[in-house]
Amino acid sequence: MLFGRAQEEIDVLREAGIVVEIVLGVTSALAVSALLEASLTQRGISRSVVFVTPRVGENERTRNWVNAAVAADTAVIYMGRGEAAAITSALIAYGRAPHTPVAIVESASLPDCARYIGQLANLPALAAQTGDGPTMIILGDVVRAAASFAVEEAPARLQRVG
């Protein structure tokens, strides 16, 4: 229940007198990590991971998510496909190298999932290849393992850019 409307929906249901049952599961960031066969933290490569989103709700003020994303070794960006160009610009402006490995995964854990792997500078091009499914962006050197896997496996919808 990260960066979703879960709490808002739970509150509305409870106020309406509806019993709420939460089914335990794995957050999408960890599902994407498993799908890519790349741990979000790896000895000698990544000692920190942050979950962020650049999205804000209606009438909410923008927060500075980019500082957290740049400070962590690995950044997991929720709901970022539509803002890929702005995300790329912000991360590079705040110090992430344009050649930082990045993966964007669409519809993780579903039969039609797709993985697109490249470099931060190419994130807008990667995002443009996705469809309408939910996406997750993973940024950092841990993606290198996924890039090796991508070249070896090359599933039908897997693309490698840059």
C-alpha atoms as a PDB file:
ATOM      1  CA  MET A   1       0.000   0.000   0.000  1.00  0.00           C
ATOM      2  CA  LEU A   2       2.501   2.552  -1.252  1.00  0.00           C
ATOM      3  CA  PHE A   3       1.551   5.667  -3.221  1.00  0.00           C
ATOM      4  CA  GLY A   4      -1.959   4.494  -3.893  1.00  0.00           C
ATOM      5  CA  ARG A   5      -5.398   5.432  -2.779  1.00  0.00           C
ATOM      6  CA  ALA A   6      -5.602   2.492  -0.393  1.00  0.00           C
ATOM      7  CA  GLN A   7      -5.911   4.532   2.805  1.00  0.00           C
ATOM      8  CA  GLU A   8      -8.478   6.867   1.253  1.00  0.00           C
ATOM      9  CA  GLU A   9     -10.547   3.900   0.086  1.00  0.00           C
ATOM     10  CA  ILE A  10     -10.261   2.133   3.452  1.00  0.00           C
ATOM     11  CA  ASP A  11     -11.449   5.287   5.240  1.00  0.00           C
ATOM     12  CA  VAL A  12     -14.451   5.700   2.923  1.00  0.00           C
ATOM     13  CA  LEU A  13     -15.450   2.052   3.324  1.00  0.00           C
ATOM     14  CA  ARG A  14     -15.157   2.179   7.118  1.00  0.00           C
ATOM     15  CA  GLU A  15     -17.179   5.416   7.271  1.00  0.00           C
ATOM     16  CA  ALA A  16     -19.872   3.635   5.252  1.00  0.00           C
ATOM     17  CA  GLY A  17     -19.871   0.762   7.755  1.00  0.00           C
ATOM     18  CA  ILE A  18     -18.310  -1.701   5.341  1.00  0.00           C
ATOM     19  CA  VAL A  19     -15.910  -4.251   6.790  1.00  0.00           C
ATOM     20  CA  VAL A  20     -12.494  -4.013   5.176  1.00  0.00           C
ATOM     21  CA  GLU A  21     -10.195  -6.974   4.617  1.00  0.00           C
ATOM     22  CA  ILE A  22      -6.659  -6.376   3.374  1.00  0.00           C
ATOM     23  CA  VAL A  23      -5.161  -9.266   1.442  1.00  0.00           C
ATOM     24  CA  LEU A  24      -1.456  -9.492   2.187  1.00  0.00           C
ATOM     25  CA  GLY A  25       0.848  -9.325  -0.780  1.00  0.00           C
ATOM     26  CA  VAL A  26       4.107  -8.012  -2.127  1.00  0.00           C
ATOM     27  CA  THR A  27       4.502  -4.363  -3.003  1.00  0.00           C
ATOM     28  CA  SER A  28       5.004  -3.752  -6.703  1.00  0.00           C
ATOM     29  CA  ALA A  29       8.582  -2.515  -6.185  1.00  0.00           C
ATOM     30  CA  LEU A  30       9.590  -5.919  -4.846  1.00  0.00           C
ATOM     31  CA  ALA A  31       7.627  -7.730  -7.550  1.00  0.00           C
ATOM     32  CA  VAL A  32       9.497  -5.720 -10.198  1.00  0.00           C
ATOM     33  CA  SER A  33      12.802  -6.470  -8.492  1.00  0.00           C
ATOM     34  CA  ALA A  34      12.017 -10.199  -8.610  1.00  0.00           C
ATOM     35  CA  LEU A  35      10.887  -9.978 -12.224  1.00  0.00           C
ATOM     36  CA  LEU A  36      14.145  -8.284 -13.199  1.00  0.00           C
ATOM     37  CA  GLU A  37      16.121 -10.779 -11.116  1.00  0.00           C
ATOM     38  CA  ALA A  38      17.932  -7.811  -9.595  1.00  0.00           C
ATOM     39  CA  SER A  39      17.921  -7.103  -5.863  1.00  0.00           C
ATOM     40  CA  LEU A  40      17.187  -3.471  -5.027  1.00  0.00           C
ATOM     41  CA  THR A  41      20.186  -3.534  -2.697  1.00  0.00           C
ATOM     42  CA  GLN A  42      23.379  -5.399  -3.533  1.00  0.00           C
ATOM     43  CA  ARG A  43      26.605  -5.752  -1.600  1.00  0.00           C
ATOM     44  CA  GLY A  44      29.153  -3.256  -2.874  1.00  0.00           C
ATOM     45  CA  ILE A  45      26.676  -1.634  -5.278  1.00  0.00           C
ATOM     46  CA  SER A  46      23.616  -0.386  -3.429  1.00  0.00           C
ATOM     47  CA  ARG A  47      23.232   0.052   0.298  1.00  0.00           C
ATOM     48  CA  SER A  48      20.115   2.216   0.117  1.00  0.00           C
ATOM     49  CA  VAL A  49      16.821   2.230  -1.732  1.00  0.00           C
ATOM     50  CA  VAL A  50      14.067   4.828  -1.794  1.00  0.00           C
ATOM     51  CA  PHE A  51      10.473   4.635  -3.017  1.00  0.00           C
ATOM     52  CA  VAL A  52       9.259   7.945  -4.475  1.00  0.00           C
ATOM     53  CA  THR A  53       6.617   9.374  -6.741  1.00  0.00           C
ATOM     54  CA  PRO A  54       6.619  12.700  -8.569  1.00  0.00           C
ATOM     55  CA  ARG A  55       2.808  12.589  -8.721  1.00  0.00           C
ATOM     56  CA  VAL A  56       0.671  14.719  -6.451  1.00  0.00           C
ATOM     57  CA  GLY A  57      -3.055  14.633  -5.882  1.00  0.00           C
ATOM     58  CA  GLU A  58      -5.479  17.379  -6.703  1.00  0.00           C
ATOM     59  CA  ASN A  59      -4.896  20.484  -4.577  1.00  0.00           C
ATOM     60  CA  GLU A  60      -1.673  19.050  -3.131  1.00  0.00           C
ATOM     61  CA  ARG A  61       1.594  20.929  -3.264  1.00  0.00           C
ATOM     62  CA  THR A  62       4.598  19.429  -4.999  1.00  0.00           C
ATOM     63  CA  ARG A  63       7.222  17.874  -2.742  1.00  0.00           C
ATOM     64  CA  ASN A  64      10.906  17.618  -3.546  1.00  0.00           C
ATOM     65  CA  TRP A  65      11.024  13.875  -4.291  1.00  0.00           C
ATOM     66  CA  VAL A  66      14.119  14.289  -6.461  1.00  0.00           C
ATOM     67  CA  ASN A  67      16.500  14.882  -3.531  1.00  0.00           C
ATOM     68  CA  ALA A  68      15.614  11.495  -2.060  1.00  0.00           C
ATOM     69  CA  ALA A  69      15.912   9.792  -5.464  1.00  0.00           C
ATOM     70  CA  VAL A  70      19.372  11.233  -6.050  1.00  0.00           C
ATOM     71  CA  ALA A  71      20.631  10.511  -2.524  1.00  0.00           C
ATOM     72  CA  ALA A  72      19.756   6.790  -2.624  1.00  0.00           C
ATOM     73  CA  ASP A  73      21.826   4.204  -4.482  1.00  0.00           C
ATOM     74  CA  THR A  74      18.628   2.737  -5.950  1.00  0.00           C
ATOM     75  CA  ALA A  75      15.462   4.700  -6.648  1.00  0.00           C
ATOM     76  CA  VAL A  76      12.091   3.124  -7.309  1.00  0.00           C
ATOM     77  CA  ILE A  77       9.754   5.604  -8.946  1.00  0.00           C
ATOM     78  CA  TYR A  78       6.042   4.887  -8.803  1.00  0.00           C
ATOM     79  CA  MET A  79       3.622   6.353 -11.338  1.00  0.00           C
ATOM     80  CA  GLY A  80       6.287   8.015 -13.451  1.00  0.00           C
ATOM     81  CA  ARG A  81       5.601   6.993 -17.050  1.00  0.00           C
ATOM     82  CA  GLY A  82       3.648  10.117 -17.953  1.00  0.00           C
ATOM     83  CA  GLU A  83       6.329  12.328 -16.446  1.00  0.00           C
ATOM     84  CA  ALA A  84       9.371  10.481 -17.825  1.00  0.00           C
ATOM     85  CA  ALA A  85      10.843  13.555 -19.531  1.00  0.00           C
ATOM     86  CA  ALA A  86      10.450  15.721 -16.428  1.00  0.00           C
ATOM     87  CA  ILE A  87      11.825  12.946 -14.214  1.00  0.00           C
ATOM     88  CA  THR A  88      14.856  12.575 -16.469  1.00  0.00           C
ATOM     89  CA  SER A  89      15.526  16.310 -16.512  1.00  0.00           C
ATOM     90  CA  ALA A  90      15.118  16.652 -12.750  1.00  0.00           C
ATOM     91  CA  LEU A  91      17.342  13.686 -11.895  1.00  0.00           C
ATOM     92  CA  ILE A  92      20.117  14.814 -14.244  1.00  0.00           C
ATOM     93  CA  ALA A  93      19.854  18.420 -13.002  1.00  0.00           C
ATOM     94  CA  TYR A  94      20.216  17.185  -9.409  1.00  0.00           C
ATOM     95  CA  GLY A  95      23.283  15.079 -10.175  1.00  0.00           C
ATOM     96  CA  ARG A  96      22.334  11.662 -11.541  1.00  0.00           C
ATOM     97  CA  ALA A  97      24.492  10.751 -14.517  1.00  0.00           C
ATOM     98  CA  PRO A  98      22.673  10.463 -17.865  1.00  0.00           C
ATOM     99  CA  HIS A  99      24.185   6.979 -18.313  1.00  0.00           C
ATOM    100  CA  THR A 100      22.715   5.675 -15.010  1.00  0.00           C
ATOM    101  CA  PRO A 101      21.044   2.309 -15.687  1.00  0.00           C
ATOM    102  CA  VAL A 102      17.255   2.415 -15.672  1.00  0.00           C
ATOM    103  CA  ALA A 103      14.445  -0.084 -16.157  1.00  0.00           C
ATOM    104  CA  ILE A 104      10.774   0.603 -16.697  1.00  0.00           C
ATOM    105  CA  VAL A 105       8.477  -2.346 -16.123  1.00  0.00           C
ATOM    106  CA  GLU A 106       4.888  -2.420 -17.282  1.00  0.00           C
ATOM    107  CA  SER A 107       2.213  -4.695 -15.823  1.00  0.00           C
ATOM    108  CA  ALA A 108       4.588  -6.503 -13.464  1.00  0.00           C
ATOM    109  CA  SER A 109       3.343  -9.915 -12.324  1.00  0.00           C
ATOM    110  CA  LEU A 110       0.836 -10.136 -15.196  1.00  0.00           C
ATOM    111  CA  PRO A 111       1.187 -12.384 -18.251  1.00  0.00           C
ATOM    112  CA  ASP A 112       1.647  -9.401 -20.579  1.00  0.00           C
ATOM    113  CA  CYS A 113       4.374  -7.721 -18.514  1.00  0.00           C
ATOM    114  CA  ALA A 114       7.116  -5.910 -20.400  1.00  0.00           C
ATOM    115  CA  ARG A 115      10.591  -4.800 -19.343  1.00  0.00           C
ATOM    116  CA  TYR A 116      12.420  -1.935 -21.006  1.00  0.00           C
ATOM    117  CA  ILE A 117      16.027  -1.368 -19.981  1.00  0.00           C
ATOM    118  CA  GLY A 118      18.414   1.419 -20.863  1.00  0.00           C
ATOM    119  CA  GLN A 119      19.963   4.563 -19.462  1.00  0.00           C
ATOM    120  CA  LEU A 120      18.431   7.514 -17.654  1.00  0.00           C
ATOM    121  CA  ALA A 121      18.911   9.774 -20.676  1.00  0.00           C
ATOM    122  CA  ASN A 122      16.730   7.348 -22.665  1.00  0.00           C
ATOM    123  CA  LEU A 123      13.927   7.084 -20.098  1.00  0.00           C
ATOM    124  CA  PRO A 124      11.431   9.125 -22.167  1.00  0.00           C
ATOM    125  CA  ALA A 125      12.039   6.820 -25.170  1.00  0.00           C
ATOM    126  CA  LEU A 126      11.617   3.761 -22.968  1.00  0.00           C
ATOM    127  CA  ALA A 127       8.396   5.124 -21.476  1.00  0.00           C
ATOM    128  CA  ALA A 128       7.052   5.862 -24.972  1.00  0.00           C
ATOM    129  CA  GLN A 129       7.288   2.144 -25.785  1.00  0.00           C
ATOM    130  CA  THR A 130       4.989   1.132 -22.936  1.00  0.00           C
ATOM    131  CA  GLY A 131       1.274   0.573 -23.258  1.00  0.00           C
ATOM    132  CA  ASP A 132      -1.502   1.458 -20.839  1.00  0.00           C
ATOM    133  CA  GLY A 133      -0.513  -0.880 -17.990  1.00  0.00           C
ATOM    134  CA  PRO A 134       0.818   0.359 -14.663  1.00  0.00           C
ATOM    135  CA  THR A 135       4.542   1.039 -14.717  1.00  0.00           C
ATOM    136  CA  MET A 136       7.420   1.175 -12.274  1.00  0.00           C
ATOM    137  CA  ILE A 137      10.817   2.783 -12.873  1.00  0.00           C
ATOM    138  CA  ILE A 138      13.962   1.380 -11.220  1.00  0.00           C
ATOM    139  CA  LEU A 139      17.056   3.570 -11.343  1.00  0.00           C
ATOM    140  CA  GLY A 140      20.594   2.679 -10.285  1.00  0.00           C
ATOM    141  CA  ASP A 141      23.504   0.334 -10.814  1.00  0.00           C
ATOM    142  CA  VAL A 142      21.451  -2.657  -9.621  1.00  0.00           C
ATOM    143  CA  VAL A 143      19.732  -2.535 -13.020  1.00  0.00           C
ATOM    144  CA  ARG A 144      22.989  -3.703 -14.679  1.00  0.00           C
ATOM    145  CA  ALA A 145      22.176  -7.284 -13.633  1.00  0.00           C
ATOM    146  CA  ALA A 146      18.764  -6.933 -15.258  1.00  0.00           C
ATOM    147  CA  ALA A 147      20.381  -5.554 -18.412  1.00  0.00           C
ATOM    148  CA  SER A 148      22.576  -8.655 -18.670  1.00  0.00           C
ATOM    149  CA  PHE A 149      19.518 -10.832 -18.132  1.00  0.00           C
ATOM    150  CA  ALA A 150      17.613  -8.851 -20.790  1.00  0.00           C
ATOM    151  CA  VAL A 151      20.231  -9.453 -23.446  1.00  0.00           C
ATOM    152  CA  GLU A 152      20.396 -13.175 -22.660  1.00  0.00           C
ATOM    153  CA  GLU A 153      16.649 -13.814 -22.379  1.00  0.00           C
ATOM    154  CA  ALA A 154      15.123 -11.285 -24.802  1.00  0.00           C
ATOM    155  CA  PRO A 155      11.399 -12.026 -24.264  1.00  0.00           C
ATOM    156  CA  ALA A 156       9.070 -10.892 -27.029  1.00  0.00           C
ATOM    157  CA  ARG A 157       8.151  -7.523 -25.510  1.00  0.00           C
ATOM    158  CA  LEU A 158      11.516  -6.835 -23.911  1.00  0.00           C
ATOM    159  CA  GLN A 159      13.350  -3.934 -25.412  1.00  0.00           C
ATOM    160  CA  ARG A 160      16.800  -2.618 -24.727  1.00  0.00           C
ATOM    161  CA  VAL A 161      17.490   1.006 -25.511  1.00  0.00           C
ATOM    162  CA  GLY A 162      20.831   2.784 -25.178  1.00  0.00           C
END
